[in-house]
Amino acid sequence: MTTLQPIKRQTLTSAVTESLRQRILSGEFADGQQLRQEALSNEYGVSRVPVREALRQLEAEGLIQIIDHKGALVSKLSLDDVLELLEIRAMLESSLLRAAIPRQTKADLAMAADTLKQFEIALQTNDIRHWGELNSRFHLALYRAAKRPNTLALIEQLHNKTDRYTRMQILFTQTMERAHEEHTKLLELCREGAAEEAAEFIRVHILSAGHALESYLKNQGAPR
């Protein structure tokens, strides 16, 4: 009889990885918090193997750090780190959007529009937990037509790394309405096929979010 153990283990690893990823991004696990393999394996009712593999995947995504004698710690980014990541996002996303717009289909734009509607509802209902996720899903929906999977995967990782700070920026700087207006404008530019204007618009959109967050944190006396 053929064993399905490798598939089962991979399924467990994927499930644990997704669950831990969402718990980190939602803020359930705080910056710098230690994630203990034994406690997690008991909580999920699995062996340490899928937990260990999940932690390795999350380390590759930059969400945790595995340090000798300390184990897995939720990553904590400095303000300079966040701003650098946003600058990288601005460069990559403007380039990818420029390439995607000539290839975008009605289905691509419809998916982006549907996600934008969900994002608007999340903003109106103060559903903070899902702001970062929906923001990322909206952006990625506009880029997929470029057919550059490696760049898209890299951008998705950058979104994961900056997710908590995206939500923080929207919440603390009270830019909910502005975020929706800018996303609506971006979708309009895509519908018009205005690739160059849209590429510049998204570059400024991302960098402006970074500047707003920087201004807020400096006023709060946060370290760089």
N, C-alpha and C. Protein backbone atom coordinates (compact mmCIF):
# COMPACT_ATOMS: atom_id res chain seq x y z
N MET A 1 0.85 -1.21 0.00
CA MET A 1 0.00 0.00 0.00
C MET A 1 0.88 1.25 0.00
N THR A 2 0.59 2.15 -0.91
CA THR A 2 1.39 3.38 -1.03
C THR A 2 1.08 4.34 0.12
N THR A 3 2.15 4.82 0.74
CA THR A 3 1.95 5.76 1.85
C THR A 3 1.79 7.18 1.33
N LEU A 4 0.95 7.96 1.99
CA LEU A 4 0.72 9.36 1.61
C LEU A 4 1.36 10.31 2.62
N GLN A 5 2.23 9.75 3.45
CA GLN A 5 2.82 10.57 4.51
C GLN A 5 3.50 11.84 4.01
N PRO A 6 4.31 11.81 2.92
CA PRO A 6 4.97 13.04 2.46
C PRO A 6 3.96 14.14 2.11
N ILE A 7 2.84 13.74 1.47
CA ILE A 7 1.82 14.71 1.11
C ILE A 7 1.15 15.26 2.36
N LYS A 8 0.87 14.34 3.30
CA LYS A 8 0.23 14.77 4.54
C LYS A 8 1.10 15.76 5.29
N ARG A 9 2.41 15.46 5.36
CA ARG A 9 3.30 16.35 6.08
C ARG A 9 3.38 17.71 5.42
N GLN A 10 3.43 17.71 4.07
CA GLN A 10 3.46 18.98 3.36
C GLN A 10 2.19 19.78 3.61
N THR A 11 1.05 19.06 3.65
CA THR A 11 -0.22 19.74 3.91
C THR A 11 -0.20 20.35 5.31
N LEU A 12 0.30 19.60 6.27
CA LEU A 12 0.40 20.12 7.64
C LEU A 12 1.32 21.33 7.70
N THR A 13 2.47 21.22 7.02
CA THR A 13 3.42 22.33 7.01
C THR A 13 2.78 23.58 6.42
N SER A 14 2.06 23.42 5.31
CA SER A 14 1.40 24.57 4.66
C SER A 14 0.36 25.18 5.58
N ALA A 15 -0.40 24.31 6.25
CA ALA A 15 -1.46 24.81 7.13
C ALA A 15 -0.87 25.56 8.32
N VAL A 16 0.19 25.01 8.92
CA VAL A 16 0.82 25.67 10.06
C VAL A 16 1.47 26.97 9.62
N THR A 17 2.12 26.95 8.45
CA THR A 17 2.77 28.16 7.93
C THR A 17 1.75 29.28 7.73
N GLU A 18 0.63 28.96 7.10
CA GLU A 18 -0.40 29.97 6.84
C GLU A 18 -0.98 30.51 8.13
N SER A 19 -1.23 29.62 9.09
CA SER A 19 -1.79 30.07 10.36
C SER A 19 -0.82 30.98 11.10
N LEU A 20 0.44 30.59 11.18
CA LEU A 20 1.43 31.43 11.87
C LEU A 20 1.63 32.76 11.15
N ARG A 21 1.62 32.72 9.82
CA ARG A 21 1.79 33.95 9.04
C ARG A 21 0.69 34.94 9.38
N GLN A 22 -0.56 34.46 9.40
CA GLN A 22 -1.68 35.34 9.68
C GLN A 22 -1.65 35.85 11.12
N ARG A 23 -1.20 35.03 12.05
CA ARG A 23 -1.13 35.46 13.44
C ARG A 23 -0.05 36.52 13.65
N ILE A 24 1.03 36.41 12.89
CA ILE A 24 2.08 37.43 12.96
C ILE A 24 1.59 38.72 12.33
N LEU A 25 0.99 38.61 11.14
CA LEU A 25 0.56 39.80 10.43
C LEU A 25 -0.59 40.51 11.14
N SER A 26 -1.40 39.75 11.87
CA SER A 26 -2.53 40.36 12.56
C SER A 26 -2.10 41.06 13.85
N GLY A 27 -0.85 40.79 14.27
CA GLY A 27 -0.36 41.40 15.49
C GLY A 27 -0.58 40.56 16.73
N GLU A 28 -1.14 39.34 16.56
CA GLU A 28 -1.33 38.46 17.71
C GLU A 28 0.00 38.14 18.38
N PHE A 29 1.03 37.93 17.54
CA PHE A 29 2.39 37.77 18.05
C PHE A 29 3.10 39.11 17.90
N ALA A 30 3.63 39.61 18.98
CA ALA A 30 4.26 40.93 18.97
C ALA A 30 5.66 40.89 18.39
N ASP A 31 6.16 42.05 17.97
CA ASP A 31 7.54 42.17 17.50
C ASP A 31 8.49 41.63 18.57
N GLY A 32 9.42 40.78 18.16
CA GLY A 32 10.41 40.26 19.09
C GLY A 32 9.95 39.09 19.94
N GLN A 33 8.67 38.72 19.82
CA GLN A 33 8.16 37.61 20.63
C GLN A 33 8.78 36.28 20.18
N GLN A 34 9.12 35.45 21.15
CA GLN A 34 9.70 34.15 20.84
C GLN A 34 8.60 33.14 20.52
N LEU A 35 8.82 32.37 19.45
CA LEU A 35 7.88 31.32 19.05
C LEU A 35 8.54 29.98 19.36
N ARG A 36 8.02 29.28 20.35
CA ARG A 36 8.62 28.02 20.80
C ARG A 36 8.01 26.84 20.04
N GLN A 37 8.90 26.03 19.46
CA GLN A 37 8.44 24.89 18.65
C GLN A 37 7.57 23.94 19.46
N GLU A 38 8.00 23.63 20.67
CA GLU A 38 7.25 22.66 21.48
C GLU A 38 5.84 23.16 21.78
N ALA A 39 5.74 24.43 22.16
CA ALA A 39 4.43 25.00 22.48
C ALA A 39 3.53 25.04 21.25
N LEU A 40 4.11 25.40 20.12
CA LEU A 40 3.33 25.47 18.88
C LEU A 40 2.89 24.09 18.42
N SER A 41 3.77 23.10 18.53
CA SER A 41 3.40 21.75 18.11
C SER A 41 2.28 21.21 18.99
N ASN A 42 2.31 21.53 20.28
CA ASN A 42 1.23 21.12 21.18
C ASN A 42 -0.07 21.85 20.83
N GLU A 43 0.04 23.13 20.54
CA GLU A 43 -1.15 23.93 20.22
C GLU A 43 -1.83 23.44 18.95
N TYR A 44 -1.02 23.12 17.94
CA TYR A 44 -1.57 22.68 16.65
C TYR A 44 -1.84 21.18 16.60
N GLY A 45 -1.34 20.45 17.61
CA GLY A 45 -1.56 19.02 17.63
C GLY A 45 -0.78 18.28 16.56
N VAL A 46 0.43 18.76 16.28
CA VAL A 46 1.29 18.14 15.26
C VAL A 46 2.67 17.92 15.87
N SER A 47 3.51 17.17 15.14
CA SER A 47 4.88 16.98 15.59
C SER A 47 5.67 18.27 15.37
N ARG A 48 6.91 18.27 15.81
CA ARG A 48 7.73 19.47 15.64
C ARG A 48 8.18 19.66 14.19
N VAL A 49 8.12 18.59 13.39
CA VAL A 49 8.64 18.67 12.02
C VAL A 49 7.91 19.73 11.19
N PRO A 50 6.56 19.70 11.06
CA PRO A 50 5.89 20.75 10.27
C PRO A 50 6.05 22.14 10.87
N VAL A 51 6.14 22.21 12.21
CA VAL A 51 6.36 23.51 12.85
C VAL A 51 7.73 24.06 12.48
N ARG A 52 8.75 23.21 12.55
CA ARG A 52 10.11 23.64 12.19
C ARG A 52 10.18 24.08 10.73
N GLU A 53 9.53 23.32 9.85
CA GLU A 53 9.54 23.68 8.42
C GLU A 53 8.77 24.97 8.17
N ALA A 54 7.69 25.16 8.92
CA ALA A 54 6.91 26.40 8.79
C ALA A 54 7.74 27.60 9.24
N LEU A 55 8.47 27.45 10.32
CA LEU A 55 9.30 28.55 10.82
C LEU A 55 10.41 28.88 9.82
N ARG A 56 10.96 27.88 9.17
CA ARG A 56 11.97 28.13 8.14
C ARG A 56 11.39 28.92 6.98
N GLN A 57 10.15 28.58 6.59
CA GLN A 57 9.50 29.31 5.50
C GLN A 57 9.26 30.76 5.90
N LEU A 58 8.80 30.97 7.11
CA LEU A 58 8.52 32.33 7.58
C LEU A 58 9.81 33.13 7.74
N GLU A 59 10.90 32.46 8.06
CA GLU A 59 12.19 33.14 8.11
C GLU A 59 12.59 33.61 6.70
N ALA A 60 12.36 32.75 5.70
CA ALA A 60 12.67 33.12 4.31
C ALA A 60 11.85 34.31 3.86
N GLU A 61 10.64 34.45 4.42
CA GLU A 61 9.77 35.58 4.07
C GLU A 61 10.11 36.83 4.88
N GLY A 62 11.00 36.68 5.86
CA GLY A 62 11.40 37.83 6.65
C GLY A 62 10.49 38.15 7.82
N LEU A 63 9.54 37.25 8.11
CA LEU A 63 8.60 37.52 9.19
C LEU A 63 9.15 37.12 10.55
N ILE A 64 10.09 36.18 10.56
CA ILE A 64 10.74 35.81 11.81
C ILE A 64 12.24 35.72 11.59
N GLN A 65 12.97 35.69 12.70
CA GLN A 65 14.41 35.46 12.68
C GLN A 65 14.71 34.28 13.56
N ILE A 66 15.54 33.37 13.07
CA ILE A 66 15.95 32.23 13.87
C ILE A 66 17.38 32.49 14.35
N ILE A 67 17.52 32.65 15.65
CA ILE A 67 18.80 33.05 16.25
C ILE A 67 19.30 31.95 17.18
N ASP A 68 20.59 31.67 17.10
CA ASP A 68 21.19 30.64 17.97
C ASP A 68 20.91 30.94 19.44
N HIS A 69 20.52 29.91 20.14
CA HIS A 69 20.28 29.96 21.59
C HIS A 69 19.02 30.76 21.97
N LYS A 70 18.35 31.33 20.97
CA LYS A 70 17.12 32.08 21.25
C LYS A 70 15.92 31.48 20.51
N GLY A 71 16.21 30.81 19.41
CA GLY A 71 15.14 30.23 18.63
C GLY A 71 14.51 31.21 17.67
N ALA A 72 13.21 31.03 17.40
CA ALA A 72 12.49 31.86 16.44
C ALA A 72 11.87 33.07 17.12
N LEU A 73 12.20 34.25 16.59
CA LEU A 73 11.66 35.50 17.13
C LEU A 73 10.93 36.25 16.02
N VAL A 74 9.79 36.82 16.35
CA VAL A 74 9.07 37.64 15.37
C VAL A 74 9.93 38.84 15.01
N SER A 75 10.11 39.06 13.71
CA SER A 75 10.99 40.14 13.25
C SER A 75 10.47 41.50 13.69
N LYS A 76 11.42 42.35 14.04
CA LYS A 76 11.10 43.73 14.40
C LYS A 76 11.89 44.64 13.49
N LEU A 77 11.20 45.47 12.75
CA LEU A 77 11.87 46.36 11.80
C LEU A 77 12.02 47.76 12.38
N SER A 78 13.17 48.36 12.13
CA SER A 78 13.36 49.76 12.51
C SER A 78 12.67 50.63 11.47
N LEU A 79 12.51 51.90 11.79
CA LEU A 79 11.92 52.83 10.84
C LEU A 79 12.73 52.87 9.55
N ASP A 80 14.05 52.87 9.67
CA ASP A 80 14.89 52.88 8.47
C ASP A 80 14.66 51.63 7.62
N ASP A 81 14.48 50.49 8.28
CA ASP A 81 14.21 49.25 7.56
C ASP A 81 12.90 49.36 6.77
N VAL A 82 11.87 49.87 7.44
CA VAL A 82 10.56 49.99 6.80
C VAL A 82 10.63 50.92 5.60
N LEU A 83 11.28 52.06 5.77
CA LEU A 83 11.39 53.02 4.68
C LEU A 83 12.18 52.44 3.51
N GLU A 84 13.22 51.68 3.82
CA GLU A 84 14.00 51.05 2.75
C GLU A 84 13.15 50.05 1.97
N LEU A 85 12.38 49.24 2.70
CA LEU A 85 11.53 48.26 2.05
C LEU A 85 10.46 48.94 1.19
N LEU A 86 9.93 50.06 1.65
CA LEU A 86 8.94 50.79 0.87
C LEU A 86 9.57 51.40 -0.39
N GLU A 87 10.82 51.83 -0.28
CA GLU A 87 11.51 52.35 -1.46
C GLU A 87 11.72 51.24 -2.49
N ILE A 88 12.06 50.05 -2.01
CA ILE A 88 12.22 48.91 -2.93
C ILE A 88 10.89 48.58 -3.57
N ARG A 89 9.83 48.57 -2.76
CA ARG A 89 8.49 48.33 -3.30
C ARG A 89 8.14 49.35 -4.37
N ALA A 90 8.43 50.60 -4.12
CA ALA A 90 8.08 51.66 -5.08
C ALA A 90 8.77 51.42 -6.42
N MET A 91 10.04 51.03 -6.39
CA MET A 91 10.77 50.77 -7.63
C MET A 91 10.22 49.56 -8.37
N LEU A 92 10.04 48.46 -7.64
CA LEU A 92 9.59 47.22 -8.28
C LEU A 92 8.14 47.32 -8.77
N GLU A 93 7.28 47.91 -7.96
CA GLU A 93 5.87 47.94 -8.31
C GLU A 93 5.57 48.90 -9.45
N SER A 94 6.29 50.00 -9.51
CA SER A 94 6.08 50.92 -10.63
C SER A 94 6.52 50.26 -11.94
N SER A 95 7.64 49.54 -11.88
CA SER A 95 8.12 48.84 -13.08
C SER A 95 7.17 47.73 -13.51
N LEU A 96 6.68 46.97 -12.53
CA LEU A 96 5.79 45.85 -12.86
C LEU A 96 4.44 46.34 -13.37
N LEU A 97 3.92 47.41 -12.79
CA LEU A 97 2.64 47.95 -13.24
C LEU A 97 2.76 48.48 -14.67
N ARG A 98 3.87 49.13 -14.96
CA ARG A 98 4.10 49.63 -16.32
C ARG A 98 4.05 48.49 -17.35
N ALA A 99 4.61 47.35 -16.97
CA ALA A 99 4.61 46.19 -17.87
C ALA A 99 3.25 45.51 -17.91
N ALA A 100 2.50 45.60 -16.83
CA ALA A 100 1.24 44.87 -16.73
C ALA A 100 0.09 45.54 -17.48
N ILE A 101 0.03 46.87 -17.43
CA ILE A 101 -1.14 47.58 -17.96
C ILE A 101 -1.48 47.23 -19.40
N PRO A 102 -0.51 47.16 -20.32
CA PRO A 102 -0.89 46.80 -21.70
C PRO A 102 -1.48 45.40 -21.83
N ARG A 103 -1.27 44.55 -20.84
CA ARG A 103 -1.73 43.17 -20.90
C ARG A 103 -2.93 42.89 -19.99
N GLN A 104 -3.35 43.88 -19.23
CA GLN A 104 -4.45 43.66 -18.31
C GLN A 104 -5.75 43.37 -19.06
N THR A 105 -6.50 42.39 -18.55
CA THR A 105 -7.78 42.02 -19.14
C THR A 105 -8.92 42.58 -18.30
N LYS A 106 -10.13 42.46 -18.82
CA LYS A 106 -11.29 42.89 -18.05
C LYS A 106 -11.41 42.10 -16.75
N ALA A 107 -11.00 40.83 -16.81
CA ALA A 107 -11.06 39.98 -15.61
C ALA A 107 -10.07 40.47 -14.55
N ASP A 108 -8.88 40.89 -15.00
CA ASP A 108 -7.88 41.43 -14.06
C ASP A 108 -8.43 42.66 -13.36
N LEU A 109 -9.00 43.55 -14.13
CA LEU A 109 -9.51 44.80 -13.58
C LEU A 109 -10.74 44.57 -12.70
N ALA A 110 -11.55 43.58 -13.09
CA ALA A 110 -12.73 43.26 -12.28
C ALA A 110 -12.31 42.70 -10.93
N MET A 111 -11.27 41.88 -10.92
CA MET A 111 -10.77 41.33 -9.66
C MET A 111 -10.23 42.44 -8.77
N ALA A 112 -9.49 43.37 -9.37
CA ALA A 112 -8.96 44.50 -8.61
C ALA A 112 -10.09 45.35 -8.05
N ALA A 113 -11.12 45.58 -8.87
CA ALA A 113 -12.25 46.40 -8.44
C ALA A 113 -13.01 45.73 -7.29
N ASP A 114 -13.19 44.42 -7.37
CA ASP A 114 -13.88 43.68 -6.32
C ASP A 114 -13.09 43.76 -5.01
N THR A 115 -11.77 43.60 -5.11
CA THR A 115 -10.92 43.69 -3.91
C THR A 115 -10.95 45.09 -3.32
N LEU A 116 -10.97 46.09 -4.20
CA LEU A 116 -11.03 47.48 -3.73
C LEU A 116 -12.32 47.73 -2.97
N LYS A 117 -13.41 47.13 -3.43
CA LYS A 117 -14.69 47.28 -2.73
C LYS A 117 -14.62 46.65 -1.35
N GLN A 118 -14.00 45.47 -1.26
CA GLN A 118 -13.82 44.81 0.04
C GLN A 118 -12.95 45.66 0.96
N PHE A 119 -11.93 46.26 0.38
CA PHE A 119 -11.02 47.11 1.15
C PHE A 119 -11.77 48.33 1.68
N GLU A 120 -12.63 48.90 0.85
CA GLU A 120 -13.41 50.06 1.28
C GLU A 120 -14.31 49.70 2.47
N ILE A 121 -14.93 48.54 2.41
CA ILE A 121 -15.80 48.09 3.50
C ILE A 121 -14.97 47.88 4.77
N ALA A 122 -13.78 47.28 4.61
CA ALA A 122 -12.90 47.04 5.76
C ALA A 122 -12.47 48.35 6.40
N LEU A 123 -12.23 49.37 5.58
CA LEU A 123 -11.86 50.68 6.11
C LEU A 123 -13.02 51.32 6.85
N GLN A 124 -14.22 51.22 6.27
CA GLN A 124 -15.40 51.83 6.88
C GLN A 124 -15.80 51.17 8.19
N THR A 125 -15.56 49.85 8.27
CA THR A 125 -15.95 49.10 9.48
C THR A 125 -14.79 48.97 10.46
N ASN A 126 -13.69 49.63 10.14
CA ASN A 126 -12.51 49.60 11.02
C ASN A 126 -12.00 48.17 11.24
N ASP A 127 -12.08 47.36 10.18
CA ASP A 127 -11.60 45.98 10.21
C ASP A 127 -10.09 45.98 9.99
N ILE A 128 -9.37 46.46 10.99
CA ILE A 128 -7.93 46.71 10.86
C ILE A 128 -7.16 45.47 10.49
N ARG A 129 -7.58 44.33 11.01
CA ARG A 129 -6.83 43.10 10.79
C ARG A 129 -6.65 42.78 9.32
N HIS A 130 -7.64 43.15 8.48
CA HIS A 130 -7.58 42.77 7.06
C HIS A 130 -7.10 43.89 6.13
N TRP A 131 -6.78 45.05 6.68
CA TRP A 131 -6.36 46.15 5.82
C TRP A 131 -5.13 45.79 4.98
N GLY A 132 -4.10 45.27 5.64
CA GLY A 132 -2.87 44.95 4.93
C GLY A 132 -3.08 43.89 3.87
N GLU A 133 -3.84 42.85 4.23
CA GLU A 133 -4.12 41.76 3.30
C GLU A 133 -4.84 42.25 2.05
N LEU A 134 -5.87 43.07 2.24
CA LEU A 134 -6.65 43.57 1.10
C LEU A 134 -5.86 44.58 0.28
N ASN A 135 -5.04 45.37 0.94
CA ASN A 135 -4.17 46.30 0.23
C ASN A 135 -3.23 45.53 -0.69
N SER A 136 -2.63 44.48 -0.16
CA SER A 136 -1.71 43.66 -0.95
C SER A 136 -2.44 42.98 -2.10
N ARG A 137 -3.61 42.41 -1.82
CA ARG A 137 -4.36 41.69 -2.85
C ARG A 137 -4.76 42.63 -3.99
N PHE A 138 -5.11 43.87 -3.66
CA PHE A 138 -5.47 44.85 -4.69
C PHE A 138 -4.27 45.14 -5.59
N HIS A 139 -3.14 45.44 -4.97
CA HIS A 139 -1.94 45.75 -5.74
C HIS A 139 -1.54 44.58 -6.63
N LEU A 140 -1.49 43.39 -6.07
CA LEU A 140 -1.04 42.22 -6.82
C LEU A 140 -1.97 41.89 -7.98
N ALA A 141 -3.26 42.16 -7.80
CA ALA A 141 -4.21 41.91 -8.89
C ALA A 141 -3.89 42.76 -10.12
N LEU A 142 -3.33 43.94 -9.89
CA LEU A 142 -2.98 44.83 -11.01
C LEU A 142 -1.68 44.43 -11.68
N TYR A 143 -0.85 43.64 -11.00
CA TYR A 143 0.48 43.31 -11.51
C TYR A 143 0.56 41.98 -12.23
N ARG A 144 -0.37 41.06 -11.96
CA ARG A 144 -0.23 39.68 -12.46
C ARG A 144 -0.15 39.60 -13.98
N ALA A 145 -0.79 40.52 -14.68
CA ALA A 145 -0.79 40.48 -16.14
C ALA A 145 0.60 40.65 -16.73
N ALA A 146 1.54 41.16 -15.95
CA ALA A 146 2.91 41.36 -16.46
C ALA A 146 3.60 40.03 -16.71
N LYS A 147 3.10 38.96 -16.12
CA LYS A 147 3.67 37.62 -16.30
C LYS A 147 5.14 37.58 -15.86
N ARG A 148 5.41 38.15 -14.72
CA ARG A 148 6.75 38.11 -14.14
C ARG A 148 6.62 37.52 -12.73
N PRO A 149 6.48 36.20 -12.66
CA PRO A 149 6.19 35.55 -11.38
C PRO A 149 7.25 35.75 -10.31
N ASN A 150 8.52 35.83 -10.70
CA ASN A 150 9.58 36.01 -9.70
C ASN A 150 9.51 37.39 -9.06
N THR A 151 9.28 38.40 -9.89
CA THR A 151 9.14 39.76 -9.36
C THR A 151 7.89 39.86 -8.50
N LEU A 152 6.81 39.23 -8.95
CA LEU A 152 5.56 39.25 -8.20
C LEU A 152 5.73 38.59 -6.83
N ALA A 153 6.45 37.47 -6.80
CA ALA A 153 6.68 36.78 -5.53
C ALA A 153 7.51 37.63 -4.58
N LEU A 154 8.49 38.33 -5.15
CA LEU A 154 9.33 39.21 -4.32
C LEU A 154 8.51 40.35 -3.74
N ILE A 155 7.64 40.94 -4.56
CA ILE A 155 6.77 42.02 -4.10
C ILE A 155 5.82 41.52 -3.01
N GLU A 156 5.31 40.30 -3.19
CA GLU A 156 4.41 39.74 -2.17
C GLU A 156 5.14 39.58 -0.84
N GLN A 157 6.39 39.16 -0.88
CA GLN A 157 7.18 39.04 0.35
C GLN A 157 7.38 40.41 1.00
N LEU A 158 7.62 41.42 0.17
CA LEU A 158 7.80 42.78 0.70
C LEU A 158 6.52 43.27 1.35
N HIS A 159 5.38 42.94 0.74
CA HIS A 159 4.09 43.31 1.34
C HIS A 159 3.91 42.63 2.69
N ASN A 160 4.30 41.35 2.77
CA ASN A 160 4.18 40.63 4.04
C ASN A 160 5.04 41.28 5.12
N LYS A 161 6.26 41.66 4.73
CA LYS A 161 7.17 42.27 5.70
C LYS A 161 6.65 43.61 6.21
N THR A 162 5.98 44.36 5.34
CA THR A 162 5.54 45.70 5.71
C THR A 162 4.06 45.76 6.08
N ASP A 163 3.40 44.61 6.14
CA ASP A 163 1.95 44.58 6.36
C ASP A 163 1.54 45.32 7.63
N ARG A 164 2.21 44.99 8.76
CA ARG A 164 1.83 45.62 10.02
C ARG A 164 2.00 47.13 9.97
N TYR A 165 3.00 47.57 9.23
CA TYR A 165 3.30 49.01 9.15
C TYR A 165 2.34 49.71 8.19
N THR A 166 1.85 48.96 7.20
CA THR A 166 0.81 49.50 6.33
C THR A 166 -0.44 49.79 7.14
N ARG A 167 -0.85 48.82 7.98
CA ARG A 167 -2.03 49.02 8.82
C ARG A 167 -1.80 50.13 9.83
N MET A 168 -0.60 50.18 10.38
CA MET A 168 -0.26 51.22 11.35
C MET A 168 -0.34 52.60 10.70
N GLN A 169 0.19 52.70 9.48
CA GLN A 169 0.19 53.99 8.78
C GLN A 169 -1.23 54.48 8.51
N ILE A 170 -2.09 53.58 8.03
CA ILE A 170 -3.48 53.96 7.73
C ILE A 170 -4.22 54.36 8.99
N LEU A 171 -4.01 53.59 10.07
CA LEU A 171 -4.74 53.83 11.31
C LEU A 171 -4.28 55.09 12.03
N PHE A 172 -2.97 55.19 12.26
CA PHE A 172 -2.46 56.26 13.10
C PHE A 172 -2.39 57.61 12.39
N THR A 173 -2.26 57.59 11.06
CA THR A 173 -2.20 58.86 10.34
C THR A 173 -3.57 59.26 9.78
N GLN A 174 -4.59 58.43 10.09
CA GLN A 174 -5.96 58.73 9.68
C GLN A 174 -6.07 59.03 8.18
N THR A 175 -5.52 58.11 7.37
CA THR A 175 -5.53 58.32 5.91
C THR A 175 -6.42 57.31 5.22
N MET A 176 -7.47 56.83 5.89
CA MET A 176 -8.37 55.85 5.29
C MET A 176 -8.99 56.36 4.00
N GLU A 177 -9.53 57.57 4.06
CA GLU A 177 -10.19 58.13 2.88
C GLU A 177 -9.18 58.37 1.76
N ARG A 178 -8.02 58.88 2.11
CA ARG A 178 -6.98 59.13 1.10
C ARG A 178 -6.53 57.83 0.45
N ALA A 179 -6.36 56.78 1.24
CA ALA A 179 -5.93 55.48 0.71
C ALA A 179 -6.94 54.98 -0.32
N HIS A 180 -8.22 55.10 0.00
CA HIS A 180 -9.25 54.63 -0.93
C HIS A 180 -9.27 55.49 -2.20
N GLU A 181 -9.15 56.79 -2.03
CA GLU A 181 -9.17 57.69 -3.19
C GLU A 181 -8.00 57.39 -4.13
N GLU A 182 -6.83 57.15 -3.56
CA GLU A 182 -5.65 56.89 -4.39
C GLU A 182 -5.76 55.54 -5.09
N HIS A 183 -6.31 54.55 -4.41
CA HIS A 183 -6.50 53.25 -5.05
C HIS A 183 -7.52 53.35 -6.18
N THR A 184 -8.57 54.13 -5.96
CA THR A 184 -9.59 54.33 -6.99
C THR A 184 -8.97 55.01 -8.21
N LYS A 185 -8.16 56.02 -7.97
CA LYS A 185 -7.46 56.72 -9.05
C LYS A 185 -6.54 55.77 -9.80
N LEU A 186 -5.83 54.94 -9.08
CA LEU A 186 -4.92 53.99 -9.70
C LEU A 186 -5.67 53.03 -10.62
N LEU A 187 -6.81 52.54 -10.16
CA LEU A 187 -7.61 51.63 -10.97
C LEU A 187 -8.11 52.34 -12.23
N GLU A 188 -8.49 53.59 -12.10
CA GLU A 188 -8.94 54.37 -13.26
C GLU A 188 -7.83 54.50 -14.30
N LEU A 189 -6.61 54.77 -13.85
CA LEU A 189 -5.48 54.90 -14.76
C LEU A 189 -5.22 53.59 -15.49
N CYS A 190 -5.39 52.48 -14.79
CA CYS A 190 -5.21 51.18 -15.43
C CYS A 190 -6.29 50.95 -16.50
N ARG A 191 -7.51 51.30 -16.18
CA ARG A 191 -8.60 51.15 -17.15
C ARG A 191 -8.37 52.01 -18.38
N GLU A 192 -7.73 53.15 -18.18
CA GLU A 192 -7.44 54.06 -19.30
C GLU A 192 -6.21 53.62 -20.10
N GLY A 193 -5.47 52.65 -19.56
CA GLY A 193 -4.26 52.20 -20.23
C GLY A 193 -3.11 53.18 -20.11
N ALA A 194 -3.16 54.04 -19.12
CA ALA A 194 -2.14 55.08 -18.93
C ALA A 194 -0.97 54.51 -18.13
N ALA A 195 -0.15 53.72 -18.81
CA ALA A 195 0.91 52.97 -18.12
C ALA A 195 1.94 53.87 -17.43
N GLU A 196 2.43 54.87 -18.13
CA GLU A 196 3.47 55.73 -17.56
C GLU A 196 2.94 56.54 -16.39
N GLU A 197 1.73 57.10 -16.55
CA GLU A 197 1.14 57.90 -15.48
C GLU A 197 0.85 57.02 -14.26
N ALA A 198 0.35 55.81 -14.51
CA ALA A 198 0.04 54.90 -13.41
C ALA A 198 1.30 54.46 -12.68
N ALA A 199 2.38 54.22 -13.43
CA ALA A 199 3.64 53.79 -12.82
C ALA A 199 4.19 54.88 -11.89
N GLU A 200 4.11 56.13 -12.32
CA GLU A 200 4.58 57.23 -11.48
C GLU A 200 3.64 57.44 -10.30
N PHE A 201 2.35 57.25 -10.55
CA PHE A 201 1.37 57.45 -9.48
C PHE A 201 1.59 56.45 -8.36
N ILE A 202 1.83 55.18 -8.71
CA ILE A 202 1.99 54.18 -7.66
C ILE A 202 3.32 54.36 -6.93
N ARG A 203 4.32 54.85 -7.63
CA ARG A 203 5.60 55.13 -6.97
C ARG A 203 5.41 56.18 -5.88
N VAL A 204 4.73 57.25 -6.22
CA VAL A 204 4.48 58.33 -5.25
C VAL A 204 3.54 57.85 -4.15
N HIS A 205 2.55 57.03 -4.52
CA HIS A 205 1.58 56.49 -3.56
C HIS A 205 2.29 55.71 -2.45
N ILE A 206 3.22 54.84 -2.83
CA ILE A 206 3.93 54.02 -1.85
C ILE A 206 4.88 54.87 -1.01
N LEU A 207 5.62 55.76 -1.65
CA LEU A 207 6.57 56.59 -0.92
C LEU A 207 5.86 57.57 0.02
N SER A 208 4.70 58.05 -0.39
CA SER A 208 3.94 58.98 0.46
C SER A 208 3.48 58.29 1.74
N ALA A 209 3.12 57.01 1.61
CA ALA A 209 2.71 56.25 2.80
C ALA A 209 3.89 56.16 3.77
N GLY A 210 5.09 55.95 3.22
CA GLY A 210 6.28 55.88 4.04
C GLY A 210 6.57 57.19 4.74
N HIS A 211 6.41 58.28 4.01
CA HIS A 211 6.66 59.60 4.60
C HIS A 211 5.66 59.90 5.71
N ALA A 212 4.39 59.50 5.51
CA ALA A 212 3.36 59.74 6.53
C ALA A 212 3.68 58.94 7.79
N LEU A 213 4.10 57.69 7.61
CA LEU A 213 4.46 56.86 8.75
C LEU A 213 5.68 57.42 9.47
N GLU A 214 6.66 57.85 8.70
CA GLU A 214 7.88 58.41 9.28
C GLU A 214 7.56 59.65 10.12
N SER A 215 6.71 60.52 9.58
CA SER A 215 6.35 61.73 10.29
C SER A 215 5.63 61.40 11.60
N TYR A 216 4.72 60.44 11.55
CA TYR A 216 3.98 60.06 12.75
C TYR A 216 4.92 59.50 13.82
N LEU A 217 5.77 58.55 13.42
CA LEU A 217 6.65 57.89 14.38
C LEU A 217 7.67 58.86 14.98
N LYS A 218 8.15 59.79 14.17
CA LYS A 218 9.09 60.80 14.70
C LYS A 218 8.40 61.65 15.74
N ASN A 219 7.15 61.99 15.51
CA ASN A 219 6.41 62.80 16.47
C ASN A 219 6.16 62.02 17.78
N GLN A 220 6.16 60.68 17.64
CA GLN A 220 5.97 59.84 18.82
C GLN A 220 7.30 59.53 19.52
N GLY A 221 8.40 60.03 18.91
CA GLY A 221 9.70 59.79 19.49
C GLY A 221 10.24 58.40 19.26
N ALA A 222 9.77 57.73 18.21
CA ALA A 222 10.23 56.36 17.95
C ALA A 222 11.65 56.38 17.41
N PRO A 223 12.48 55.36 17.80
CA PRO A 223 13.84 55.27 17.29
C PRO A 223 13.87 54.86 15.84
N ARG A 224 14.93 55.26 15.13
CA ARG A 224 15.08 54.84 13.76
C ARG A 224 15.71 53.46 13.69
